[in-house]
C-alpha atoms as a PDB file:
ATOM      1  CA  UNK A   1      22.134  19.545   3.704  1.00  0.00           C
ATOM      2  CA  UNK A   2      20.477  16.339   1.630  1.00  0.00           C
ATOM      3  CA  UNK A   3      22.337  14.872  -1.324  1.00  0.00           C
ATOM      4  CA  UNK A   4      19.834  14.293  -4.166  1.00  0.00           C
ATOM      5  CA  UNK A   5      19.651  11.760  -7.098  1.00  0.00           C
ATOM      6  CA  UNK A   6      17.614  12.251 -10.078  1.00  0.00           C
ATOM      7  CA  UNK A   7      16.454   9.979 -12.826  1.00  0.00           C
ATOM      8  CA  UNK A   8      15.375  10.694 -16.218  1.00  0.00           C
ATOM      9  CA  UNK A   9      13.949   7.533 -18.816  1.00  0.00           C
ATOM     10  CA  UNK A  10      16.767   5.334 -16.787  1.00  0.00           C
ATOM     11  CA  UNK A  11      19.408   7.843 -16.639  1.00  0.00           C
ATOM     12  CA  UNK A  12      20.691   8.841 -13.342  1.00  0.00           C
ATOM     13  CA  UNK A  13      21.817  12.185 -12.167  1.00  0.00           C
ATOM     14  CA  UNK A  14      23.974  12.875  -8.517  1.00  0.00           C
ATOM     15  CA  UNK A  15      24.452  13.363  -6.181  1.00  0.00           C
ATOM     16  CA  UNK A  16      23.308  17.075  -6.061  1.00  0.00           C
ATOM     17  CA  UNK A  17      22.815  19.424  -3.329  1.00  0.00           C
ATOM     18  CA  UNK A  18      19.479  21.074  -2.627  1.00  0.00           C
ATOM     19  CA  UNK A  19      20.151  23.995  -4.840  1.00  0.00           C
ATOM     20  CA  UNK A  20      21.292  22.174  -7.940  1.00  0.00           C
ATOM     21  CA  UNK A  21      18.351  19.594  -7.607  1.00  0.00           C
ATOM     22  CA  UNK A  22      15.869  22.305  -7.316  1.00  0.00           C
ATOM     23  CA  UNK A  23      17.550  24.039 -10.346  1.00  0.00           C
ATOM     24  CA  UNK A  24      17.543  20.635 -12.239  1.00  0.00           C
ATOM     25  CA  UNK A  25      13.760  20.036 -11.186  1.00  0.00           C
ATOM     26  CA  UNK A  26      12.708  23.387 -12.358  1.00  0.00           C
ATOM     27  CA  UNK A  27      14.265  22.604 -15.893  1.00  0.00           C
ATOM     28  CA  UNK A  28      12.735  19.274 -16.338  1.00  0.00           C
ATOM     29  CA  UNK A  29      10.186  17.877 -13.664  1.00  0.00           C
ATOM     30  CA  UNK A  30       9.149  14.800 -15.780  1.00  0.00           C
ATOM     31  CA  UNK A  31      11.513  12.370 -13.876  1.00  0.00           C
ATOM     32  CA  UNK A  32      12.200  10.896 -10.351  1.00  0.00           C
ATOM     33  CA  UNK A  33      13.946  11.657  -7.460  1.00  0.00           C
ATOM     34  CA  UNK A  34      15.508  10.269  -4.271  1.00  0.00           C
ATOM     35  CA  UNK A  35      17.423  11.252  -1.264  1.00  0.00           C
ATOM     36  CA  UNK A  36      18.224   9.572   1.938  1.00  0.00           C
ATOM     37  CA  UNK A  37      15.309   9.147   4.167  1.00  0.00           C
ATOM     38  CA  UNK A  38      12.836   8.327   1.370  1.00  0.00           C
ATOM     39  CA  UNK A  39      11.408   4.829   1.197  1.00  0.00           C
ATOM     40  CA  UNK A  40      11.137   4.838  -2.716  1.00  0.00           C
ATOM     41  CA  UNK A  41      11.973   6.956  -5.909  1.00  0.00           C
ATOM     42  CA  UNK A  42       9.163   9.511  -6.233  1.00  0.00           C
ATOM     43  CA  UNK A  43       8.007  11.733  -9.080  1.00  0.00           C
ATOM     44  CA  UNK A  44       9.735  14.965  -9.109  1.00  0.00           C
ATOM     45  CA  UNK A  45       6.490  16.861  -9.573  1.00  0.00           C
ATOM     46  CA  UNK A  46       5.258  15.199  -6.344  1.00  0.00           C
ATOM     47  CA  UNK A  47       8.307  16.180  -4.179  1.00  0.00           C
ATOM     48  CA  UNK A  48       7.317  19.470  -2.408  1.00  0.00           C
ATOM     49  CA  UNK A  49      11.299  20.053  -1.429  1.00  0.00           C
ATOM     50  CA  UNK A  50      12.108  20.279  -5.306  1.00  0.00           C
ATOM     51  CA  UNK A  51       9.156  22.643  -5.750  1.00  0.00           C
ATOM     52  CA  UNK A  52      11.136  25.742  -4.413  1.00  0.00           C
ATOM     53  CA  UNK A  53      11.585  28.867  -6.166  1.00  0.00           C
ATOM     54  CA  UNK A  54      14.813  30.742  -6.923  1.00  0.00           C
ATOM     55  CA  UNK A  55      14.948  34.022  -5.957  1.00  0.00           C
ATOM     56  CA  UNK A  56      18.245  36.181  -6.914  1.00  0.00           C
ATOM     57  CA  UNK A  57      20.248  32.885  -6.765  1.00  0.00           C
ATOM     58  CA  UNK A  58      18.972  31.872  -3.385  1.00  0.00           C
ATOM     59  CA  UNK A  59      16.755  28.887  -2.729  1.00  0.00           C
ATOM     60  CA  UNK A  60      13.788  29.721  -0.627  1.00  0.00           C
ATOM     61  CA  UNK A  61      12.466  27.702   2.158  1.00  0.00           C
ATOM     62  CA  UNK A  62      10.441  24.704   0.793  1.00  0.00           C
ATOM     63  CA  UNK A  63       6.886  24.810   1.036  1.00  0.00           C
ATOM     64  CA  UNK A  64       5.180  22.758   3.747  1.00  0.00           C
ATOM     65  CA  UNK A  65       3.914  19.287   3.000  1.00  0.00           C
ATOM     66  CA  UNK A  66       0.663  19.086   1.174  1.00  0.00           C
ATOM     67  CA  UNK A  67      -0.730  17.206   4.314  1.00  0.00           C
ATOM     68  CA  UNK A  68      -2.061  19.673   7.063  1.00  0.00           C
ATOM     69  CA  UNK A  69      -4.079  17.341   9.019  1.00  0.00           C
ATOM     70  CA  UNK A  70      -2.335  18.372  12.365  1.00  0.00           C
ATOM     71  CA  UNK A  71      -0.526  15.296  14.168  1.00  0.00           C
ATOM     72  CA  UNK A  72       2.811  14.417  12.407  1.00  0.00           C
ATOM     73  CA  UNK A  73       3.712  10.769  12.401  1.00  0.00           C
ATOM     74  CA  UNK A  74       6.631   9.107  14.009  1.00  0.00           C
ATOM     75  CA  UNK A  75       9.730   8.968  11.696  1.00  0.00           C
ATOM     76  CA  UNK A  76      10.944   5.284  11.611  1.00  0.00           C
ATOM     77  CA  UNK A  77      13.366   3.143   9.857  1.00  0.00           C
ATOM     78  CA  UNK A  78      12.660  -0.027   8.066  1.00  0.00           C
ATOM     79  CA  UNK A  79      14.190  -2.794   6.177  1.00  0.00           C
ATOM     80  CA  UNK A  80      12.058  -5.583   4.080  1.00  0.00           C
ATOM     81  CA  UNK A  81      13.357  -9.078   3.977  1.00  0.00           C
ATOM     82  CA  UNK A  82      12.309 -11.885   1.356  1.00  0.00           C
ATOM     83  CA  UNK A  83      10.926 -12.464  -2.096  1.00  0.00           C
ATOM     84  CA  UNK A  84       7.593 -13.855  -1.946  1.00  0.00           C
ATOM     85  CA  UNK A  85       6.675 -14.404   1.716  1.00  0.00           C
ATOM     86  CA  UNK A  86       8.126 -10.966   3.049  1.00  0.00           C
ATOM     87  CA  UNK A  87       8.158  -9.255   6.068  1.00  0.00           C
ATOM     88  CA  UNK A  88       9.331  -5.605   7.347  1.00  0.00           C
ATOM     89  CA  UNK A  89      11.383  -5.020  10.379  1.00  0.00           C
ATOM     90  CA  UNK A  90      10.884  -1.559  11.874  1.00  0.00           C
ATOM     91  CA  UNK A  91      13.580   0.318  14.084  1.00  0.00           C
ATOM     92  CA  UNK A  92      12.229   2.628  16.675  1.00  0.00           C
ATOM     93  CA  UNK A  93      13.996   5.053  18.864  1.00  0.00           C
ATOM     94  CA  UNK A  94      13.137   5.785  22.205  1.00  0.00           C
ATOM     95  CA  UNK A  95       9.603   7.125  22.450  1.00  0.00           C
ATOM     96  CA  UNK A  96       8.798   6.197  18.688  1.00  0.00           C
ATOM     97  CA  UNK A  97       5.900   3.772  17.946  1.00  0.00           C
ATOM     98  CA  UNK A  98       4.194   1.867  15.019  1.00  0.00           C
ATOM     99  CA  UNK A  99       0.809   0.680  14.555  1.00  0.00           C
ATOM    100  CA  UNK A 100      -0.025  -2.773  12.997  1.00  0.00           C
ATOM    101  CA  UNK A 101      -2.977  -4.812  12.031  1.00  0.00           C
ATOM    102  CA  UNK A 102      -3.923  -7.281  14.962  1.00  0.00           C
ATOM    103  CA  UNK A 103      -1.989 -10.659  14.646  1.00  0.00           C
ATOM    104  CA  UNK A 104       0.677  -9.112  12.029  1.00  0.00           C
ATOM    105  CA  UNK A 105       3.597  -9.153  14.664  1.00  0.00           C
ATOM    106  CA  UNK A 106       6.502 -11.658  13.930  1.00  0.00           C
ATOM    107  CA  UNK A 107       8.986 -10.578  16.536  1.00  0.00           C
ATOM    108  CA  UNK A 108      10.011  -7.796  18.651  1.00  0.00           C
ATOM    109  CA  UNK A 109      12.845  -6.808  21.141  1.00  0.00           C
ATOM    110  CA  UNK A 110      12.129  -7.090  24.653  1.00  0.00           C
ATOM    111  CA  UNK A 111      12.067  -3.218  25.347  1.00  0.00           C
ATOM    112  CA  UNK A 112       9.112  -2.769  22.847  1.00  0.00           C
ATOM    113  CA  UNK A 113       5.917  -2.696  24.765  1.00  0.00           C
ATOM    114  CA  UNK A 114       2.658  -3.706  23.164  1.00  0.00           C
ATOM    115  CA  UNK A 115      -0.720  -2.170  23.752  1.00  0.00           C
ATOM    116  CA  UNK A 116      -3.895  -3.143  21.884  1.00  0.00           C
ATOM    117  CA  UNK A 117      -6.145  -0.022  21.209  1.00  0.00           C
ATOM    118  CA  UNK A 118      -9.616   0.858  19.334  1.00  0.00           C
ATOM    119  CA  UNK A 119      -8.967   2.043  15.941  1.00  0.00           C
ATOM    120  CA  UNK A 120      -5.353   2.939  14.171  1.00  0.00           C
ATOM    121  CA  UNK A 121      -3.899   4.391  17.312  1.00  0.00           C
ATOM    122  CA  UNK A 122      -3.959   8.069  16.321  1.00  0.00           C
ATOM    123  CA  UNK A 123      -6.794   8.918  18.662  1.00  0.00           C
ATOM    124  CA  UNK A 124      -4.683   8.063  21.564  1.00  0.00           C
ATOM    125  CA  UNK A 125      -5.859  11.117  23.701  1.00  0.00           C
ATOM    126  CA  UNK A 126      -9.287  11.461  22.274  1.00  0.00           C
ATOM    127  CA  UNK A 127     -12.551  10.455  23.908  1.00  0.00           C
ATOM    128  CA  UNK A 128     -14.421   7.061  23.920  1.00  0.00           C
ATOM    129  CA  UNK A 129     -16.671   8.167  20.930  1.00  0.00           C
ATOM    130  CA  UNK A 130     -13.612   9.049  18.926  1.00  0.00           C
ATOM    131  CA  UNK A 131     -12.044   5.888  19.434  1.00  0.00           C
ATOM    132  CA  UNK A 132     -15.276   3.928  18.841  1.00  0.00           C
ATOM    133  CA  UNK A 133     -15.650   5.919  15.507  1.00  0.00           C
ATOM    134  CA  UNK A 134     -11.953   4.765  14.392  1.00  0.00           C
ATOM    135  CA  UNK A 135     -12.780   1.441  15.343  1.00  0.00           C
ATOM    136  CA  UNK A 136     -15.780   1.153  13.624  1.00  0.00           C
ATOM    137  CA  UNK A 137     -14.421   2.760  10.338  1.00  0.00           C
ATOM    138  CA  UNK A 138     -11.759  -0.241  10.610  1.00  0.00           C
ATOM    139  CA  UNK A 139     -14.129  -2.762  10.975  1.00  0.00           C
ATOM    140  CA  UNK A 140     -16.111  -1.473   7.721  1.00  0.00           C
ATOM    141  CA  UNK A 141     -13.111  -1.604   5.837  1.00  0.00           C
ATOM    142  CA  UNK A 142     -12.445  -4.980   6.437  1.00  0.00           C
ATOM    143  CA  UNK A 143      -9.969  -4.748   9.297  1.00  0.00           C
ATOM    144  CA  UNK A 144     -10.612  -5.819  12.847  1.00  0.00           C
ATOM    145  CA  UNK A 145     -11.606  -3.576  15.479  1.00  0.00           C
ATOM    146  CA  UNK A 146      -8.245  -3.409  17.157  1.00  0.00           C
ATOM    147  CA  UNK A 147      -4.654  -2.371  16.258  1.00  0.00           C
ATOM    148  CA  UNK A 148      -1.624  -2.991  18.262  1.00  0.00           C
ATOM    149  CA  UNK A 149       0.801  -0.243  19.138  1.00  0.00           C
ATOM    150  CA  UNK A 150       4.393  -1.215  19.612  1.00  0.00           C
ATOM    151  CA  UNK A 151       6.276   1.350  21.370  1.00  0.00           C
ATOM    152  CA  UNK A 152      10.121   1.695  22.397  1.00  0.00           C
ATOM    153  CA  UNK A 153       9.832   2.233  26.092  1.00  0.00           C
ATOM    154  CA  UNK A 154      13.668   2.051  26.865  1.00  0.00           C
ATOM    155  CA  UNK A 155      15.647   5.301  27.535  1.00  0.00           C
ATOM    156  CA  UNK A 156      18.367   4.775  24.812  1.00  0.00           C
ATOM    157  CA  UNK A 157      19.411   2.711  21.870  1.00  0.00           C
ATOM    158  CA  UNK A 158      17.210   1.391  19.043  1.00  0.00           C
ATOM    159  CA  UNK A 159      14.726  -1.564  19.271  1.00  0.00           C
ATOM    160  CA  UNK A 160      13.153  -3.412  16.354  1.00  0.00           C
ATOM    161  CA  UNK A 161       9.746  -5.123  15.909  1.00  0.00           C
ATOM    162  CA  UNK A 162       8.729  -6.873  12.923  1.00  0.00           C
ATOM    163  CA  UNK A 163       5.614  -7.695  10.723  1.00  0.00           C
ATOM    164  CA  UNK A 164       4.831 -10.387   8.500  1.00  0.00           C
ATOM    165  CA  UNK A 165       2.693 -10.300   5.325  1.00  0.00           C
ATOM    166  CA  UNK A 166      -0.675 -12.897   5.664  1.00  0.00           C
ATOM    167  CA  UNK A 167      -0.027 -14.345   2.201  1.00  0.00           C
ATOM    168  CA  UNK A 168       2.508 -14.622  -0.642  1.00  0.00           C
ATOM    169  CA  UNK A 169       3.047 -11.249  -2.281  1.00  0.00           C
ATOM    170  CA  UNK A 170       5.031  -7.950  -1.764  1.00  0.00           C
ATOM    171  CA  UNK A 171       5.065  -5.300   1.071  1.00  0.00           C
ATOM    172  CA  UNK A 172       5.127  -2.000  -0.435  1.00  0.00           C
ATOM    173  CA  UNK A 173       6.431   0.975   1.582  1.00  0.00           C
ATOM    174  CA  UNK A 174       4.979   4.337   1.105  1.00  0.00           C
ATOM    175  CA  UNK A 175       5.636   7.799   2.381  1.00  0.00           C
ATOM    176  CA  UNK A 176       2.396   9.594   2.307  1.00  0.00           C
ATOM    177  CA  UNK A 177       3.806  13.077   2.532  1.00  0.00           C
ATOM    178  CA  UNK A 178       5.324  12.230  -0.941  1.00  0.00           C
ATOM    179  CA  UNK A 179       1.873  11.695  -2.547  1.00  0.00           C
ATOM    180  CA  UNK A 180      -0.033  14.814  -1.156  1.00  0.00           C
ATOM    181  CA  UNK A 181      -0.804  12.965   2.325  1.00  0.00           C
ATOM    182  CA  UNK A 182      -3.400  10.463   1.240  1.00  0.00           C
ATOM    183  CA  UNK A 183      -3.615   7.154  -0.770  1.00  0.00           C
ATOM    184  CA  UNK A 184      -6.578   4.977  -1.682  1.00  0.00           C
ATOM    185  CA  UNK A 185      -6.227   1.488  -1.544  1.00  0.00           C
ATOM    186  CA  UNK A 186      -7.703  -1.834  -1.531  1.00  0.00           C
ATOM    187  CA  UNK A 187      -9.650  -3.041   1.719  1.00  0.00           C
ATOM    188  CA  UNK A 188      -7.465  -5.713   3.829  1.00  0.00           C
ATOM    189  CA  UNK A 189      -4.140  -4.030   2.335  1.00  0.00           C
ATOM    190  CA  UNK A 190      -3.093  -2.249   5.386  1.00  0.00           C
ATOM    191  CA  UNK A 191      -0.086  -3.965   7.222  1.00  0.00           C
ATOM    192  CA  UNK A 192       1.738  -1.416   9.540  1.00  0.00           C
ATOM    193  CA  UNK A 193       2.427   2.198   9.801  1.00  0.00           C
ATOM    194  CA  UNK A 194       4.088   4.695  11.700  1.00  0.00           C
ATOM    195  CA  UNK A 195       2.123   6.184  14.690  1.00  0.00           C
ATOM    196  CA  UNK A 196       0.136   9.271  13.479  1.00  0.00           C
ATOM    197  CA  UNK A 197      -1.099   7.543  10.251  1.00  0.00           C
ATOM    198  CA  UNK A 198      -5.106   7.715  10.068  1.00  0.00           C
ATOM    199  CA  UNK A 199      -6.993   4.936   8.355  1.00  0.00           C
ATOM    200  CA  UNK A 200     -10.278   6.170   7.174  1.00  0.00           C
ATOM    201  CA  UNK A 201     -13.045   5.569   4.801  1.00  0.00           C
ATOM    202  CA  UNK A 202     -13.243   6.188   1.021  1.00  0.00           C
ATOM    203  CA  UNK A 203     -16.541   5.723  -0.701  1.00  0.00           C
ATOM    204  CA  UNK A 204     -17.179   5.336  -4.160  1.00  0.00           C
ATOM    205  CA  UNK A 205     -19.352   7.946  -5.706  1.00  0.00           C
ATOM    206  CA  UNK A 206     -20.571   6.053  -8.866  1.00  0.00           C
ATOM    207  CA  UNK A 207     -23.070   3.477  -7.880  1.00  0.00           C
ATOM    208  CA  UNK A 208     -21.834   1.152 -11.038  1.00  0.00           C
ATOM    209  CA  UNK A 209     -18.335   1.553  -9.728  1.00  0.00           C
ATOM    210  CA  UNK A 210     -19.310   0.731  -6.299  1.00  0.00           C
ATOM    211  CA  UNK A 211     -21.138  -2.456  -7.494  1.00  0.00           C
ATOM    212  CA  UNK A 212     -18.917  -3.892 -10.080  1.00  0.00           C
ATOM    213  CA  UNK A 213     -15.573  -2.234  -9.105  1.00  0.00           C
ATOM    214  CA  UNK A 214     -14.088  -5.208  -7.419  1.00  0.00           C
ATOM    215  CA  UNK A 215     -13.444  -3.609  -4.085  1.00  0.00           C
ATOM    216  CA  UNK A 216     -16.971  -2.642  -3.485  1.00  0.00           C
ATOM    217  CA  UNK A 217     -18.599   0.520  -2.233  1.00  0.00           C
ATOM    218  CA  UNK A 218     -15.914   1.145   0.333  1.00  0.00           C
ATOM    219  CA  UNK A 219     -11.936   1.301   0.435  1.00  0.00           C
ATOM    220  CA  UNK A 220      -9.390   2.340   2.866  1.00  0.00           C
ATOM    221  CA  UNK A 221      -8.041   5.983   2.874  1.00  0.00           C
ATOM    222  CA  UNK A 222      -4.671   6.295   4.367  1.00  0.00           C
ATOM    223  CA  UNK A 223      -3.858   9.716   5.334  1.00  0.00           C
ATOM    224  CA  UNK A 224      -1.022  11.500   7.200  1.00  0.00           C
ATOM    225  CA  UNK A 225       2.862  12.425   6.627  1.00  0.00           C
ATOM    226  CA  UNK A 226       4.342   8.970   7.659  1.00  0.00           C
ATOM    227  CA  UNK A 227       5.322   5.875   6.480  1.00  0.00           C
ATOM    228  CA  UNK A 228       2.843   2.903   5.533  1.00  0.00           C
ATOM    229  CA  UNK A 229       3.438  -0.599   4.602  1.00  0.00           C
ATOM    230  CA  UNK A 230       0.881  -2.155   2.321  1.00  0.00           C
ATOM    231  CA  UNK A 231       0.720  -5.749   1.285  1.00  0.00           C
ATOM    232  CA  UNK A 232      -0.525  -7.158  -2.097  1.00  0.00           C
ATOM    233  CA  UNK A 233      -0.567 -10.417  -3.668  1.00  0.00           C
ATOM    234  CA  UNK A 234       2.292 -11.492  -6.241  1.00  0.00           C
ATOM    235  CA  UNK A 235       4.473  -8.791  -7.744  1.00  0.00           C
ATOM    236  CA  UNK A 236       3.785  -5.117  -7.442  1.00  0.00           C
ATOM    237  CA  UNK A 237       3.866  -2.832 -10.870  1.00  0.00           C
ATOM    238  CA  UNK A 238       4.349   0.874 -10.169  1.00  0.00           C
ATOM    239  CA  UNK A 239       2.846   3.200 -12.914  1.00  0.00           C
ATOM    240  CA  UNK A 240       2.877   6.909 -13.160  1.00  0.00           C
ATOM    241  CA  UNK A 241      -0.193   8.331 -15.261  1.00  0.00           C
ATOM    242  CA  UNK A 242      -0.002  11.488 -17.034  1.00  0.00           C
ATOM    243  CA  UNK A 243      -3.171  13.868 -17.150  1.00  0.00           C
ATOM    244  CA  UNK A 244      -5.678  12.190 -19.085  1.00  0.00           C
ATOM    245  CA  UNK A 245      -3.750   8.960 -19.645  1.00  0.00           C
ATOM    246  CA  UNK A 246      -5.983   5.783 -19.007  1.00  0.00           C
ATOM    247  CA  UNK A 247      -4.801   2.309 -17.642  1.00  0.00           C
ATOM    248  CA  UNK A 248      -7.275  -0.652 -18.016  1.00  0.00           C
ATOM    249  CA  UNK A 249      -6.882  -3.097 -15.315  1.00  0.00           C
ATOM    250  CA  UNK A 250      -8.524  -6.189 -13.968  1.00  0.00           C
ATOM    251  CA  UNK A 251     -10.894  -4.931 -11.255  1.00  0.00           C
ATOM    252  CA  UNK A 252      -9.337  -7.344  -8.452  1.00  0.00           C
ATOM    253  CA  UNK A 253      -5.619  -6.117  -9.370  1.00  0.00           C
ATOM    254  CA  UNK A 254      -5.813  -2.598  -8.239  1.00  0.00           C
ATOM    255  CA  UNK A 255      -4.105  -2.430  -4.982  1.00  0.00           C
ATOM    256  CA  UNK A 256      -3.632   1.426  -4.397  1.00  0.00           C
ATOM    257  CA  UNK A 257      -3.657   5.028  -6.177  1.00  0.00           C
ATOM    258  CA  UNK A 258      -3.050   8.527  -5.234  1.00  0.00           C
ATOM    259  CA  UNK A 259      -5.622  10.995  -4.478  1.00  0.00           C
ATOM    260  CA  UNK A 260      -5.963  12.466  -8.234  1.00  0.00           C
ATOM    261  CA  UNK A 261      -6.438   9.279 -10.225  1.00  0.00           C
ATOM    262  CA  UNK A 262      -9.998   8.752 -11.223  1.00  0.00           C
ATOM    263  CA  UNK A 263     -11.476   5.054 -10.577  1.00  0.00           C
ATOM    264  CA  UNK A 264     -14.181   4.101 -12.627  1.00  0.00           C
ATOM    265  CA  UNK A 265     -15.454   0.970 -14.622  1.00  0.00           C
ATOM    266  CA  UNK A 266     -16.022  -0.241 -18.223  1.00  0.00           C
ATOM    267  CA  UNK A 267     -17.460  -3.314 -19.739  1.00  0.00           C
ATOM    268  CA  UNK A 268     -14.852  -5.938 -21.300  1.00  0.00           C
ATOM    269  CA  UNK A 269     -16.155  -5.372 -24.778  1.00  0.00           C
ATOM    270  CA  UNK A 270     -18.777  -7.719 -26.788  1.00  0.00           C
ATOM    271  CA  UNK A 271     -21.352 -10.004 -25.477  1.00  0.00           C
ATOM    272  CA  UNK A 272     -18.938 -13.021 -26.469  1.00  0.00           C
ATOM    273  CA  UNK A 273     -16.136 -11.415 -24.510  1.00  0.00           C
ATOM    274  CA  UNK A 274     -18.126 -11.349 -21.502  1.00  0.00           C
ATOM    275  CA  UNK A 275     -19.396 -14.785 -21.596  1.00  0.00           C
ATOM    276  CA  UNK A 276     -16.176 -16.637 -22.923  1.00  0.00           C
ATOM    277  CA  UNK A 277     -13.451 -14.214 -22.512  1.00  0.00           C
ATOM    278  CA  UNK A 278     -12.550 -15.376 -18.646  1.00  0.00           C
ATOM    279  CA  UNK A 279     -12.217 -11.787 -17.894  1.00  0.00           C
ATOM    280  CA  UNK A 280     -15.382 -11.340 -16.408  1.00  0.00           C
ATOM    281  CA  UNK A 281     -18.054  -8.379 -17.314  1.00  0.00           C
ATOM    282  CA  UNK A 282     -16.232  -5.085 -16.293  1.00  0.00           C
ATOM    283  CA  UNK A 283     -12.714  -3.772 -15.923  1.00  0.00           C
ATOM    284  CA  UNK A 284     -11.391  -1.223 -13.954  1.00  0.00           C
ATOM    285  CA  UNK A 285     -10.203   2.240 -15.597  1.00  0.00           C
ATOM    286  CA  UNK A 286      -7.481   4.205 -13.896  1.00  0.00           C
ATOM    287  CA  UNK A 287      -7.311   7.660 -15.348  1.00  0.00           C
ATOM    288  CA  UNK A 288      -4.370  10.368 -14.490  1.00  0.00           C
ATOM    289  CA  UNK A 289      -2.879  12.288 -13.256  1.00  0.00           C
ATOM    290  CA  UNK A 290      -1.331  10.295 -10.408  1.00  0.00           C
ATOM    291  CA  UNK A 291       0.352   7.041  -9.358  1.00  0.00           C
ATOM    292  CA  UNK A 292      -1.231   3.826  -9.306  1.00  0.00           C
ATOM    293  CA  UNK A 293       0.128   0.226  -7.903  1.00  0.00           C
ATOM    294  CA  UNK A 294      -1.341  -2.944  -9.475  1.00  0.00           C
ATOM    295  CA  UNK A 295      -0.844  -6.538  -8.138  1.00  0.00           C
ATOM    296  CA  UNK A 296      -0.415  -9.690 -10.184  1.00  0.00           C
ATOM    297  CA  UNK A 297      -2.096 -11.946  -7.941  1.00  0.00           C
ATOM    298  CA  UNK A 298      -5.303 -10.877  -5.909  1.00  0.00           C
ATOM    299  CA  UNK A 299      -5.987 -12.840  -3.142  1.00  0.00           C
ATOM    300  CA  UNK A 300      -9.282 -13.430  -4.357  1.00  0.00           C
ATOM    301  CA  UNK A 301      -7.977 -15.136  -7.441  1.00  0.00           C
ATOM    302  CA  UNK A 302      -5.580 -17.132  -5.505  1.00  0.00           C
ATOM    303  CA  UNK A 303      -8.542 -18.350  -3.185  1.00  0.00           C
ATOM    304  CA  UNK A 304     -10.770 -18.820  -6.074  1.00  0.00           C
ATOM    305  CA  UNK A 305      -8.326 -21.284  -7.809  1.00  0.00           C
ATOM    306  CA  UNK A 306      -7.752 -23.074  -4.472  1.00  0.00           C
ATOM    307  CA  UNK A 307     -11.543 -23.645  -3.882  1.00  0.00           C
ATOM    308  CA  UNK A 308     -11.815 -24.752  -7.632  1.00  0.00           C
ATOM    309  CA  UNK A 309      -8.999 -27.262  -7.076  1.00  0.00           C
ATOM    310  CA  UNK A 310     -10.534 -28.694  -3.846  1.00  0.00           C
ATOM    311  CA  UNK A 311     -14.048 -29.006  -5.642  1.00  0.00           C
ATOM    312  CA  UNK A 312     -12.406 -31.079  -8.474  1.00  0.00           C
ATOM    313  CA  UNK A 313     -10.155 -34.018  -6.877  1.00  0.00           C
ATOM    314  CA  UNK A 314      -7.220 -34.853  -8.828  1.00  0.00           C
ATOM    315  CA  UNK A 315      -6.941 -38.351 -10.945  1.00  0.00           C
ATOM    316  CA  UNK A 316      -3.021 -38.144 -10.849  1.00  0.00           C
ATOM    317  CA  UNK A 317      -1.693 -41.640  -9.554  1.00  0.00           C
ATOM    318  CA  UNK A 318       0.748 -40.048  -7.119  1.00  0.00           C
ATOM    319  CA  UNK A 319      -2.214 -38.244  -5.292  1.00  0.00           C
ATOM    320  CA  UNK A 320      -4.073 -39.572  -2.498  1.00  0.00           C
ATOM    321  CA  UNK A 321      -7.390 -38.024  -4.024  1.00  0.00           C
ATOM    322  CA  UNK A 322      -6.343 -39.544  -7.462  1.00  0.00           C
ATOM    323  CA  UNK A 323      -5.833 -42.999  -5.917  1.00  0.00           C
ATOM    324  CA  UNK A 324      -8.981 -42.811  -3.887  1.00  0.00           C
ATOM    325  CA  UNK A 325     -10.997 -41.786  -7.068  1.00  0.00           C
ATOM    326  CA  UNK A 326      -9.453 -45.036  -8.840  1.00  0.00           C
ATOM    327  CA  UNK A 327     -10.728 -47.280  -6.049  1.00  0.00           C
ATOM    328  CA  UNK A 328     -14.178 -45.794  -6.120  1.00  0.00           C
ATOM    329  CA  UNK A 329     -14.143 -46.757  -9.836  1.00  0.00           C
ATOM    330  CA  UNK A 330     -13.393 -50.245  -9.318  1.00  0.00           C
ATOM    331  CA  UNK A 331      -9.691 -49.883 -10.355  1.00  0.00           C
ATOM    332  CA  UNK A 332      -7.435 -52.245  -7.742  1.00  0.00           C
ATOM    333  CA  UNK A 333      -4.474 -52.533 -10.099  1.00  0.00           C
ATOM    334  CA  UNK A 334      -2.167 -50.538  -7.737  1.00  0.00           C
END
């Protein structure tokens, strides 16, 4: 029997048994819930286990998860280390596996075996064409053709494998079954996941959104019922949007959103704002209901500032480039 904790406007309740949690959720679903095994606090309204109906004082069995895509993902444990340069350590039981982006591994126990496969590793028993299609989807979304499957090959005990973020930022764990079995996210954001999670394509239906939405015509679609780890730049903000609620965001700062959120674009305002405001011509609009994840430092912004600095050598006396600039100007006083 699980022990539940509920949170309303920063006020926490619990521990509660399942029956009490279901009763409280029925009274007020406008909060968040957590129990052992959850990667994060989730909206009560999105938690299938707390949507059970009471019949004559007895709690009926919870409905099945919203995702019904067949294969269930492995159940894995994890721990995230670090602040700005994070890595995630995944703990595997015998027979369990995790999949990761090629080149993401930091370390592993000797009993963990590695196998490089086409696609996302979910089509392990499929034919060559299935694997080729999976690999092609990953290539289109900006990932490499291959992923690496890390499996606990021992007969007992626990084994660990760790994956590191590619640049400064935050690793966000997401349990897909808590979000209807599907998350839409930016390209290149996938880091690792439990075996059984599928990485597919999500096409922007509106032409203007596809052209100017910051993420292009194609985004990633993560489907399944297991844990996924998404990496984003800087600090992450999570925002739960109610039905019809709109959030205006810089196009590069959108990390991910749940399936019910509408992603669109709008102009930043007047021509003066477009030319001199420094925020570009368009911004993204995210309209609820659903959950969105926003990043404070998109990699494109970081790369742009680095390129700008490289193209404009400094004039600081303490820098090599600044000293070289002074020599070229004929100043030999130092």
